[in-house]
């Protein structure tokens, strides 16, 4: 006999689904922070090497690698991406929704 599993469709933003305050900002930080983390992994940098490139101390890299992105401002995460030779483009367009949405699209 199979049981029916109850599920709820995600909005695409886990923070919003959990009804957390500042859900859009938390989601943006998570996307940006993950990009920083992914670059560190792809380049196989040690924490000391990554810290030197980003201009921070090694414990900051440890915090990033643990996914604690809420400790950083969006601006600081963008600066980290610039230091990893990433261009950042911000595009503002009219939204079909009542309230606009923020997205991070990586190439």
PDB file of N, CA and C in Angstrom:
ATOM      1  N   UNK A   1       0.829  -1.185   0.000  1.00  0.00           N
ATOM      2  CA  UNK A   1       0.000   0.000   0.000  1.00  0.00           C
ATOM      3  C   UNK A   1       0.874   1.248   0.000  1.00  0.00           C
ATOM      4  N   UNK A   2       0.571   2.181  -0.856  1.00  0.00           N
ATOM      5  CA  UNK A   2       1.375   3.397  -0.894  1.00  0.00           C
ATOM      6  C   UNK A   2       0.648   4.520  -0.165  1.00  0.00           C
ATOM      7  N   UNK A   3       1.438   5.285   0.564  1.00  0.00           N
ATOM      8  CA  UNK A   3       0.897   6.437   1.287  1.00  0.00           C
ATOM      9  C   UNK A   3       0.971   7.653   0.389  1.00  0.00           C
ATOM     10  N   UNK A   4       0.007   8.528   0.528  1.00  0.00           N
ATOM     11  CA  UNK A   4       0.072   9.794  -0.179  1.00  0.00           C
ATOM     12  C   UNK A   4       0.984  10.723   0.605  1.00  0.00           C
ATOM     13  N   UNK A   5       1.896  11.325  -0.090  1.00  0.00           N
ATOM     14  CA  UNK A   5       2.827  12.256   0.545  1.00  0.00           C
ATOM     15  C   UNK A   5       2.322  13.665   0.312  1.00  0.00           C
ATOM     16  N   UNK A   6       2.179  14.401   1.400  1.00  0.00           N
ATOM     17  CA  UNK A   6       1.761  15.790   1.290  1.00  0.00           C
ATOM     18  C   UNK A   6       2.979  16.646   0.972  1.00  0.00           C
ATOM     19  N   UNK A   7       2.807  17.560   0.074  1.00  0.00           N
ATOM     20  CA  UNK A   7       3.887  18.481  -0.246  1.00  0.00           C
ATOM     21  C   UNK A   7       3.287  19.813  -0.641  1.00  0.00           C
ATOM     22  N   UNK A   8       4.135  20.797  -0.582  1.00  0.00           N
ATOM     23  CA  UNK A   8       3.732  22.154  -0.938  1.00  0.00           C
ATOM     24  C   UNK A   8       4.692  22.649  -2.003  1.00  0.00           C
ATOM     25  N   UNK A   9       4.177  23.239  -3.049  1.00  0.00           N
ATOM     26  CA  UNK A   9       5.011  23.749  -4.125  1.00  0.00           C
ATOM     27  C   UNK A   9       5.818  24.950  -3.615  1.00  0.00           C
ATOM     28  N   UNK A  10       7.099  24.947  -3.946  1.00  0.00           N
ATOM     29  CA  UNK A  10       7.980  26.030  -3.512  1.00  0.00           C
ATOM     30  C   UNK A  10       7.788  27.270  -4.382  1.00  0.00           C
ATOM     31  N   UNK A  11       8.021  28.409  -3.765  1.00  0.00           N
ATOM     32  CA  UNK A  11       7.998  29.670  -4.508  1.00  0.00           C
ATOM     33  C   UNK A  11       9.305  29.861  -5.272  1.00  0.00           C
ATOM     34  N   UNK A  12      10.294  29.028  -4.984  1.00  0.00           N
ATOM     35  CA  UNK A  12      11.626  29.197  -5.558  1.00  0.00           C
ATOM     36  C   UNK A  12      12.568  29.911  -4.595  1.00  0.00           C
ATOM     37  N   UNK A  13      12.018  30.415  -3.501  1.00  0.00           N
ATOM     38  CA  UNK A  13      12.812  31.094  -2.471  1.00  0.00           C
ATOM     39  C   UNK A  13      12.481  30.436  -1.134  1.00  0.00           C
ATOM     40  N   UNK A  14      13.384  29.598  -0.663  1.00  0.00           N
ATOM     41  CA  UNK A  14      13.145  28.846   0.571  1.00  0.00           C
ATOM     42  C   UNK A  14      12.907  29.768   1.767  1.00  0.00           C
ATOM     43  N   UNK A  15      13.552  30.927   1.767  1.00  0.00           N
ATOM     44  CA  UNK A  15      13.388  31.866   2.877  1.00  0.00           C
ATOM     45  C   UNK A  15      11.974  32.440   2.899  1.00  0.00           C
ATOM     46  N   UNK A  16      11.420  32.674   1.713  1.00  0.00           N
ATOM     47  CA  UNK A  16      10.042  33.153   1.605  1.00  0.00           C
ATOM     48  C   UNK A  16       9.080  32.040   2.020  1.00  0.00           C
ATOM     49  N   UNK A  17       9.385  30.814   1.594  1.00  0.00           N
ATOM     50  CA  UNK A  17       8.546  29.669   1.945  1.00  0.00           C
ATOM     51  C   UNK A  17       8.487  29.473   3.466  1.00  0.00           C
ATOM     52  N   UNK A  18       9.586  29.801   4.128  1.00  0.00           N
ATOM     53  CA  UNK A  18       9.640  29.699   5.598  1.00  0.00           C
ATOM     54  C   UNK A  18       9.094  30.945   6.279  1.00  0.00           C
ATOM     55  N   UNK A  19       8.631  31.896   5.467  1.00  0.00           N
ATOM     56  CA  UNK A  19       8.029  33.137   5.954  1.00  0.00           C
ATOM     57  C   UNK A  19       8.996  33.942   6.832  1.00  0.00           C
ATOM     58  N   UNK A  20      10.270  33.958   6.409  1.00  0.00           N
ATOM     59  CA  UNK A  20      11.273  34.708   7.156  1.00  0.00           C
ATOM     60  C   UNK A  20      11.249  36.173   6.729  1.00  0.00           C
ATOM     61  N   UNK A  21      11.504  37.078   7.672  1.00  0.00           N
ATOM     62  CA  UNK A  21      11.592  38.493   7.292  1.00  0.00           C
ATOM     63  C   UNK A  21      12.810  38.691   6.383  1.00  0.00           C
ATOM     64  N   UNK A  22      12.722  39.647   5.488  1.00  0.00           N
ATOM     65  CA  UNK A  22      13.811  39.952   4.549  1.00  0.00           C
ATOM     66  C   UNK A  22      14.181  38.750   3.679  1.00  0.00           C
ATOM     67  N   UNK A  23      13.182  37.963   3.306  1.00  0.00           N
ATOM     68  CA  UNK A  23      13.411  36.731   2.545  1.00  0.00           C
ATOM     69  C   UNK A  23      14.129  36.998   1.223  1.00  0.00           C
ATOM     70  N   UNK A  24      13.761  38.064   0.529  1.00  0.00           N
ATOM     71  CA  UNK A  24      14.407  38.357  -0.759  1.00  0.00           C
ATOM     72  C   UNK A  24      15.884  38.674  -0.577  1.00  0.00           C
ATOM     73  N   UNK A  25      16.205  39.443   0.457  1.00  0.00           N
ATOM     74  CA  UNK A  25      17.611  39.781   0.714  1.00  0.00           C
ATOM     75  C   UNK A  25      18.400  38.535   1.119  1.00  0.00           C
ATOM     76  N   UNK A  26      17.818  37.688   1.939  1.00  0.00           N
ATOM     77  CA  UNK A  26      18.492  36.456   2.347  1.00  0.00           C
ATOM     78  C   UNK A  26      18.759  35.561   1.139  1.00  0.00           C
ATOM     79  N   UNK A  27      17.783  35.482   0.243  1.00  0.00           N
ATOM     80  CA  UNK A  27      17.941  34.659  -0.958  1.00  0.00           C
ATOM     81  C   UNK A  27      19.029  35.226  -1.863  1.00  0.00           C
ATOM     82  N   UNK A  28      19.056  36.541  -2.021  1.00  0.00           N
ATOM     83  CA  UNK A  28      20.085  37.192  -2.831  1.00  0.00           C
ATOM     84  C   UNK A  28      21.470  36.932  -2.250  1.00  0.00           C
ATOM     85  N   UNK A  29      21.613  37.074  -0.944  1.00  0.00           N
ATOM     86  CA  UNK A  29      22.901  36.814  -0.292  1.00  0.00           C
ATOM     87  C   UNK A  29      23.323  35.355  -0.472  1.00  0.00           C
ATOM     88  N   UNK A  30      22.360  34.448  -0.383  1.00  0.00           N
ATOM     89  CA  UNK A  30      22.670  33.029  -0.557  1.00  0.00           C
ATOM     90  C   UNK A  30      23.161  32.750  -1.976  1.00  0.00           C
ATOM     91  N   UNK A  31      22.524  33.341  -2.974  1.00  0.00           N
ATOM     92  CA  UNK A  31      22.940  33.131  -4.357  1.00  0.00           C
ATOM     93  C   UNK A  31      24.338  33.712  -4.600  1.00  0.00           C
ATOM     94  N   UNK A  32      24.574  34.941  -4.110  1.00  0.00           N
ATOM     95  CA  UNK A  32      25.879  35.577  -4.292  1.00  0.00           C
ATOM     96  C   UNK A  32      26.961  34.836  -3.518  1.00  0.00           C
ATOM     97  N   UNK A  33      26.657  34.491  -2.285  1.00  0.00           N
ATOM     98  CA  UNK A  33      27.618  33.773  -1.449  1.00  0.00           C
ATOM     99  C   UNK A  33      27.986  32.428  -2.041  1.00  0.00           C
ATOM    100  N   UNK A  34      26.998  31.746  -2.609  1.00  0.00           N
ATOM    101  CA  UNK A  34      27.285  30.463  -3.239  1.00  0.00           C
ATOM    102  C   UNK A  34      28.212  30.641  -4.437  1.00  0.00           C
ATOM    103  N   UNK A  35      28.039  31.722  -5.185  1.00  0.00           N
ATOM    104  CA  UNK A  35      28.927  31.984  -6.317  1.00  0.00           C
ATOM    105  C   UNK A  35      30.366  32.170  -5.841  1.00  0.00           C
ATOM    106  N   UNK A  36      30.546  32.910  -4.747  1.00  0.00           N
ATOM    107  CA  UNK A  36      31.886  33.102  -4.177  1.00  0.00           C
ATOM    108  C   UNK A  36      32.464  31.744  -3.773  1.00  0.00           C
ATOM    109  N   UNK A  37      31.658  30.970  -3.057  1.00  0.00           N
ATOM    110  CA  UNK A  37      32.080  29.638  -2.608  1.00  0.00           C
ATOM    111  C   UNK A  37      32.469  28.762  -3.808  1.00  0.00           C
ATOM    112  N   UNK A  38      31.659  28.805  -4.858  1.00  0.00           N
ATOM    113  CA  UNK A  38      31.903  27.971  -6.028  1.00  0.00           C
ATOM    114  C   UNK A  38      33.215  28.330  -6.714  1.00  0.00           C
ATOM    115  N   UNK A  39      33.536  29.616  -6.761  1.00  0.00           N
ATOM    116  CA  UNK A  39      34.808  30.047  -7.363  1.00  0.00           C
ATOM    117  C   UNK A  39      35.984  29.516  -6.553  1.00  0.00           C
ATOM    118  N   UNK A  40      35.872  29.602  -5.243  1.00  0.00           N
ATOM    119  CA  UNK A  40      36.937  29.080  -4.368  1.00  0.00           C
ATOM    120  C   UNK A  40      37.140  27.592  -4.635  1.00  0.00           C
ATOM    121  N   UNK A  41      36.051  26.858  -4.738  1.00  0.00           N
ATOM    122  CA  UNK A  41      36.126  25.417  -4.993  1.00  0.00           C
ATOM    123  C   UNK A  41      36.679  25.131  -6.387  1.00  0.00           C
ATOM    124  N   UNK A  42      36.164  25.826  -7.398  1.00  0.00           N
ATOM    125  CA  UNK A  42      36.598  25.590  -8.782  1.00  0.00           C
ATOM    126  C   UNK A  42      38.088  25.865  -8.960  1.00  0.00           C
ATOM    127  N   UNK A  43      38.577  26.886  -8.294  1.00  0.00           N
ATOM    128  CA  UNK A  43      39.994  27.232  -8.405  1.00  0.00           C
ATOM    129  C   UNK A  43      40.862  26.421  -7.447  1.00  0.00           C
ATOM    130  N   UNK A  44      40.223  25.607  -6.626  1.00  0.00           N
ATOM    131  CA  UNK A  44      40.910  24.780  -5.632  1.00  0.00           C
ATOM    132  C   UNK A  44      41.840  25.611  -4.750  1.00  0.00           C
ATOM    133  N   UNK A  45      41.314  26.754  -4.305  1.00  0.00           N
ATOM    134  CA  UNK A  45      42.090  27.648  -3.452  1.00  0.00           C
ATOM    135  C   UNK A  45      42.051  27.169  -2.009  1.00  0.00           C
ATOM    136  N   UNK A  46      43.164  27.337  -1.325  1.00  0.00           N
ATOM    137  CA  UNK A  46      43.140  27.122   0.112  1.00  0.00           C
ATOM    138  C   UNK A  46      42.413  28.309   0.740  1.00  0.00           C
ATOM    139  N   UNK A  47      42.027  28.153   1.985  1.00  0.00           N
ATOM    140  CA  UNK A  47      41.372  29.269   2.664  1.00  0.00           C
ATOM    141  C   UNK A  47      42.311  30.463   2.765  1.00  0.00           C
ATOM    142  N   UNK A  48      43.586  30.214   2.977  1.00  0.00           N
ATOM    143  CA  UNK A  48      44.565  31.304   3.073  1.00  0.00           C
ATOM    144  C   UNK A  48      44.708  32.022   1.728  1.00  0.00           C
ATOM    145  N   UNK A  49      44.723  31.263   0.627  1.00  0.00           N
ATOM    146  CA  UNK A  49      44.832  31.867  -0.703  1.00  0.00           C
ATOM    147  C   UNK A  49      43.591  32.707  -1.023  1.00  0.00           C
ATOM    148  N   UNK A  50      42.431  32.154  -0.731  1.00  0.00           N
ATOM    149  CA  UNK A  50      41.180  32.877  -0.988  1.00  0.00           C
ATOM    150  C   UNK A  50      41.116  34.149  -0.142  1.00  0.00           C
ATOM    151  N   UNK A  51      41.540  34.050   1.107  1.00  0.00           N
ATOM    152  CA  UNK A  51      41.523  35.211   1.998  1.00  0.00           C
ATOM    153  C   UNK A  51      42.419  36.324   1.457  1.00  0.00           C
ATOM    154  N   UNK A  52      43.559  35.952   0.934  1.00  0.00           N
ATOM    155  CA  UNK A  52      44.488  36.953   0.387  1.00  0.00           C
ATOM    156  C   UNK A  52      43.864  37.665  -0.813  1.00  0.00           C
ATOM    157  N   UNK A  53      43.240  36.905  -1.706  1.00  0.00           N
ATOM    158  CA  UNK A  53      42.601  37.499  -2.892  1.00  0.00           C
ATOM    159  C   UNK A  53      41.465  38.424  -2.477  1.00  0.00           C
ATOM    160  N   UNK A  54      40.662  37.993  -1.506  1.00  0.00           N
ATOM    161  CA  UNK A  54      39.487  38.770  -1.103  1.00  0.00           C
ATOM    162  C   UNK A  54      39.809  39.882  -0.111  1.00  0.00           C
ATOM    163  N   UNK A  55      41.027  39.875   0.431  1.00  0.00           N
ATOM    164  CA  UNK A  55      41.417  40.921   1.375  1.00  0.00           C
ATOM    165  C   UNK A  55      40.772  40.771   2.737  1.00  0.00           C
ATOM    166  N   UNK A  56      40.582  39.508   3.155  1.00  0.00           N
ATOM    167  CA  UNK A  56      39.989  39.226   4.467  1.00  0.00           C
ATOM    168  C   UNK A  56      40.886  38.247   5.211  1.00  0.00           C
ATOM    169  N   UNK A  57      40.535  37.958   6.446  1.00  0.00           N
ATOM    170  CA  UNK A  57      41.279  36.968   7.225  1.00  0.00           C
ATOM    171  C   UNK A  57      40.695  35.580   6.965  1.00  0.00           C
ATOM    172  N   UNK A  58      41.497  34.571   7.188  1.00  0.00           N
ATOM    173  CA  UNK A  58      41.100  33.188   6.887  1.00  0.00           C
ATOM    174  C   UNK A  58      39.786  32.772   7.536  1.00  0.00           C
ATOM    175  N   UNK A  59      39.491  33.165   8.791  1.00  0.00           N
ATOM    176  CA  UNK A  59      38.209  32.750   9.382  1.00  0.00           C
ATOM    177  C   UNK A  59      36.987  33.221   8.581  1.00  0.00           C
ATOM    178  N   UNK A  60      37.143  34.329   7.844  1.00  0.00           N
ATOM    179  CA  UNK A  60      36.048  34.797   6.993  1.00  0.00           C
ATOM    180  C   UNK A  60      35.754  33.788   5.885  1.00  0.00           C
ATOM    181  N   UNK A  61      36.796  33.181   5.348  1.00  0.00           N
ATOM    182  CA  UNK A  61      36.618  32.181   4.296  1.00  0.00           C
ATOM    183  C   UNK A  61      35.952  30.943   4.869  1.00  0.00           C
ATOM    184  N   UNK A  62      36.339  30.581   6.053  1.00  0.00           N
ATOM    185  CA  UNK A  62      35.701  29.446   6.720  1.00  0.00           C
ATOM    186  C   UNK A  62      34.212  29.707   6.892  1.00  0.00           C
ATOM    187  N   UNK A  63      33.863  30.914   7.283  1.00  0.00           N
ATOM    188  CA  UNK A  63      32.457  31.291   7.459  1.00  0.00           C
ATOM    189  C   UNK A  63      31.706  31.201   6.133  1.00  0.00           C
ATOM    190  N   UNK A  64      32.333  31.693   5.067  1.00  0.00           N
ATOM    191  CA  UNK A  64      31.719  31.615   3.735  1.00  0.00           C
ATOM    192  C   UNK A  64      31.487  30.161   3.322  1.00  0.00           C
ATOM    193  N   UNK A  65      32.503  29.329   3.538  1.00  0.00           N
ATOM    194  CA  UNK A  65      32.402  27.931   3.127  1.00  0.00           C
ATOM    195  C   UNK A  65      31.348  27.170   3.927  1.00  0.00           C
ATOM    196  N   UNK A  66      31.006  27.681   5.094  1.00  0.00           N
ATOM    197  CA  UNK A  66      29.945  27.064   5.909  1.00  0.00           C
ATOM    198  C   UNK A  66      28.564  27.585   5.527  1.00  0.00           C
ATOM    199  N   UNK A  67      28.521  28.493   4.545  1.00  0.00           N
ATOM    200  CA  UNK A  67      27.233  28.994   4.074  1.00  0.00           C
ATOM    201  C   UNK A  67      26.621  30.065   4.950  1.00  0.00           C
ATOM    202  N   UNK A  68      27.418  30.722   5.760  1.00  0.00           N
ATOM    203  CA  UNK A  68      26.904  31.766   6.654  1.00  0.00           C
ATOM    204  C   UNK A  68      26.922  33.115   5.942  1.00  0.00           C
ATOM    205  N   UNK A  69      26.156  33.194   4.866  1.00  0.00           N
ATOM    206  CA  UNK A  69      26.157  34.370   4.008  1.00  0.00           C
ATOM    207  C   UNK A  69      25.444  35.557   4.629  1.00  0.00           C
ATOM    208  N   UNK A  70      24.601  35.304   5.609  1.00  0.00           N
ATOM    209  CA  UNK A  70      23.866  36.403   6.239  1.00  0.00           C
ATOM    210  C   UNK A  70      24.785  37.318   7.049  1.00  0.00           C
ATOM    211  N   UNK A  71      26.041  36.934   7.227  1.00  0.00           N
ATOM    212  CA  UNK A  71      27.012  37.771   7.938  1.00  0.00           C
ATOM    213  C   UNK A  71      27.601  38.852   7.031  1.00  0.00           C
ATOM    214  N   UNK A  72      27.232  38.827   5.753  1.00  0.00           N
ATOM    215  CA  UNK A  72      27.807  39.745   4.783  1.00  0.00           C
ATOM    216  C   UNK A  72      26.716  40.596   4.152  1.00  0.00           C
ATOM    217  N   UNK A  73      27.076  41.814   3.810  1.00  0.00           N
ATOM    218  CA  UNK A  73      26.144  42.658   3.059  1.00  0.00           C
ATOM    219  C   UNK A  73      26.189  42.231   1.598  1.00  0.00           C
ATOM    220  N   UNK A  74      25.154  42.566   0.868  1.00  0.00           N
ATOM    221  CA  UNK A  74      25.130  42.288  -0.564  1.00  0.00           C
ATOM    222  C   UNK A  74      26.310  42.991  -1.233  1.00  0.00           C
ATOM    223  N   UNK A  75      26.575  44.222  -0.829  1.00  0.00           N
ATOM    224  CA  UNK A  75      27.685  44.978  -1.405  1.00  0.00           C
ATOM    225  C   UNK A  75      29.025  44.266  -1.204  1.00  0.00           C
ATOM    226  N   UNK A  76      29.230  43.715  -0.024  1.00  0.00           N
ATOM    227  CA  UNK A  76      30.500  43.038   0.247  1.00  0.00           C
ATOM    228  C   UNK A  76      30.634  41.765  -0.593  1.00  0.00           C
ATOM    229  N   UNK A  77      29.551  41.025  -0.740  1.00  0.00           N
ATOM    230  CA  UNK A  77      29.587  39.827  -1.570  1.00  0.00           C
ATOM    231  C   UNK A  77      29.868  40.186  -3.030  1.00  0.00           C
ATOM    232  N   UNK A  78      29.306  41.295  -3.494  1.00  0.00           N
ATOM    233  CA  UNK A  78      29.581  41.752  -4.854  1.00  0.00           C
ATOM    234  C   UNK A  78      31.060  42.133  -5.009  1.00  0.00           C
ATOM    235  N   UNK A  79      31.619  42.761  -3.989  1.00  0.00           N
ATOM    236  CA  UNK A  79      33.045  43.117  -4.002  1.00  0.00           C
ATOM    237  C   UNK A  79      33.903  41.862  -4.077  1.00  0.00           C
ATOM    238  N   UNK A  80      33.528  40.821  -3.330  1.00  0.00           N
ATOM    239  CA  UNK A  80      34.269  39.555  -3.398  1.00  0.00           C
ATOM    240  C   UNK A  80      34.254  39.015  -4.828  1.00  0.00           C
ATOM    241  N   UNK A  81      33.093  39.070  -5.471  1.00  0.00           N
ATOM    242  CA  UNK A  81      32.997  38.572  -6.844  1.00  0.00           C
ATOM    243  C   UNK A  81      33.869  39.392  -7.792  1.00  0.00           C
ATOM    244  N   UNK A  82      33.913  40.703  -7.601  1.00  0.00           N
ATOM    245  CA  UNK A  82      34.800  41.545  -8.416  1.00  0.00           C
ATOM    246  C   UNK A  82      36.258  41.143  -8.224  1.00  0.00           C
ATOM    247  N   UNK A  83      36.632  40.858  -6.997  1.00  0.00           N
ATOM    248  CA  UNK A  83      38.023  40.479  -6.714  1.00  0.00           C
ATOM    249  C   UNK A  83      38.375  39.128  -7.332  1.00  0.00           C
ATOM    250  N   UNK A  84      37.355  38.343  -7.642  1.00  0.00           N
ATOM    251  CA  UNK A  84      37.550  37.079  -8.358  1.00  0.00           C
ATOM    252  C   UNK A  84      37.359  37.275  -9.864  1.00  0.00           C
ATOM    253  N   UNK A  85      37.566  38.490 -10.324  1.00  0.00           N
ATOM    254  CA  UNK A  85      37.503  38.818 -11.754  1.00  0.00           C
ATOM    255  C   UNK A  85      36.135  38.554 -12.376  1.00  0.00           C
ATOM    256  N   UNK A  86      35.095  38.872 -11.645  1.00  0.00           N
ATOM    257  CA  UNK A  86      33.741  38.733 -12.169  1.00  0.00           C
ATOM    258  C   UNK A  86      33.148  40.113 -12.399  1.00  0.00           C
ATOM    259  N   UNK A  87      32.553  40.307 -13.569  1.00  0.00           N
ATOM    260  CA  UNK A  87      31.802  41.524 -13.840  1.00  0.00           C
ATOM    261  C   UNK A  87      30.397  41.334 -13.298  1.00  0.00           C
ATOM    262  N   UNK A  88      29.834  42.404 -12.806  1.00  0.00           N
ATOM    263  CA  UNK A  88      28.486  42.354 -12.251  1.00  0.00           C
ATOM    264  C   UNK A  88      27.637  43.371 -12.990  1.00  0.00           C
ATOM    265  N   UNK A  89      26.493  42.922 -13.425  1.00  0.00           N
ATOM    266  CA  UNK A  89      25.573  43.761 -14.177  1.00  0.00           C
ATOM    267  C   UNK A  89      24.262  43.819 -13.392  1.00  0.00           C
ATOM    268  N   UNK A  90      23.779  45.015 -13.139  1.00  0.00           N
ATOM    269  CA  UNK A  90      22.485  45.169 -12.475  1.00  0.00           C
ATOM    270  C   UNK A  90      21.538  45.780 -13.485  1.00  0.00           C
ATOM    271  N   UNK A  91      20.438  45.080 -13.718  1.00  0.00           N
ATOM    272  CA  UNK A  91      19.467  45.538 -14.699  1.00  0.00           C
ATOM    273  C   UNK A  91      18.123  45.732 -13.996  1.00  0.00           C
ATOM    274  N   UNK A  92      17.524  46.866 -14.221  1.00  0.00           N
ATOM    275  CA  UNK A  92      16.234  47.171 -13.611  1.00  0.00           C
ATOM    276  C   UNK A  92      15.193  47.214 -14.725  1.00  0.00           C
ATOM    277  N   UNK A  93      14.164  46.382 -14.580  1.00  0.00           N
ATOM    278  CA  UNK A  93      13.117  46.295 -15.591  1.00  0.00           C
ATOM    279  C   UNK A  93      11.753  46.346 -14.918  1.00  0.00           C
ATOM    280  N   UNK A  94      10.725  46.774 -15.652  1.00  0.00           N
ATOM    281  CA  UNK A  94       9.379  46.758 -15.078  1.00  0.00           C
ATOM    282  C   UNK A  94       8.977  45.322 -14.743  1.00  0.00           C
ATOM    283  N   UNK A  95       8.226  45.169 -13.680  1.00  0.00           N
ATOM    284  CA  UNK A  95       7.799  43.850 -13.241  1.00  0.00           C
ATOM    285  C   UNK A  95       6.323  43.641 -13.520  1.00  0.00           C
ATOM    286  N   UNK A  96       5.988  42.450 -13.935  1.00  0.00           N
ATOM    287  CA  UNK A  96       4.592  42.090 -14.134  1.00  0.00           C
ATOM    288  C   UNK A  96       3.917  41.727 -12.820  1.00  0.00           C
ATOM    289  N   UNK A  97       4.704  41.664 -11.758  1.00  0.00           N
ATOM    290  CA  UNK A  97       4.178  41.331 -10.439  1.00  0.00           C
ATOM    291  C   UNK A  97       3.849  42.620  -9.694  1.00  0.00           C
ATOM    292  N   UNK A  98       3.069  42.500  -8.623  1.00  0.00           N
ATOM    293  CA  UNK A  98       2.776  43.680  -7.796  1.00  0.00           C
ATOM    294  C   UNK A  98       4.065  44.285  -7.260  1.00  0.00           C
ATOM    295  N   UNK A  99       4.912  43.429  -6.753  1.00  0.00           N
ATOM    296  CA  UNK A  99       6.195  43.868  -6.200  1.00  0.00           C
ATOM    297  C   UNK A  99       7.294  43.239  -7.040  1.00  0.00           C
ATOM    298  N   UNK A 100       8.330  43.977  -7.320  1.00  0.00           N
ATOM    299  CA  UNK A 100       9.420  43.454  -8.126  1.00  0.00           C
ATOM    300  C   UNK A 100      10.141  42.304  -7.428  1.00  0.00           C
ATOM    301  N   UNK A 101      10.921  41.576  -8.196  1.00  0.00           N
ATOM    302  CA  UNK A 101      11.684  40.463  -7.674  1.00  0.00           C
ATOM    303  C   UNK A 101      13.160  40.656  -7.972  1.00  0.00           C
ATOM    304  N   UNK A 102      14.006  40.036  -7.157  1.00  0.00           N
ATOM    305  CA  UNK A 102      15.439  40.100  -7.369  1.00  0.00           C
ATOM    306  C   UNK A 102      15.899  38.727  -7.871  1.00  0.00           C
ATOM    307  N   UNK A 103      16.798  38.729  -8.857  1.00  0.00           N
ATOM    308  CA  UNK A 103      17.315  37.486  -9.397  1.00  0.00           C
ATOM    309  C   UNK A 103      18.807  37.608  -9.593  1.00  0.00           C
ATOM    310  N   UNK A 104      19.480  36.504  -9.456  1.00  0.00           N
ATOM    311  CA  UNK A 104      20.901  36.427  -9.788  1.00  0.00           C
ATOM    312  C   UNK A 104      21.005  35.414 -10.903  1.00  0.00           C
ATOM    313  N   UNK A 105      21.534  35.842 -12.032  1.00  0.00           N
ATOM    314  CA  UNK A 105      21.693  34.973 -13.182  1.00  0.00           C
ATOM    315  C   UNK A 105      23.186  34.884 -13.460  1.00  0.00           C
ATOM    316  N   UNK A 106      23.696  33.683 -13.460  1.00  0.00           N
ATOM    317  CA  UNK A 106      25.134  33.513 -13.708  1.00  0.00           C
ATOM    318  C   UNK A 106      25.349  32.925 -15.093  1.00  0.00           C
ATOM    319  N   UNK A 107      26.464  33.282 -15.648  1.00  0.00           N
ATOM    320  CA  UNK A 107      26.801  32.821 -17.000  1.00  0.00           C
ATOM    321  C   UNK A 107      27.967  31.883 -16.920  1.00  0.00           C
TER     322      UNK A 107
END
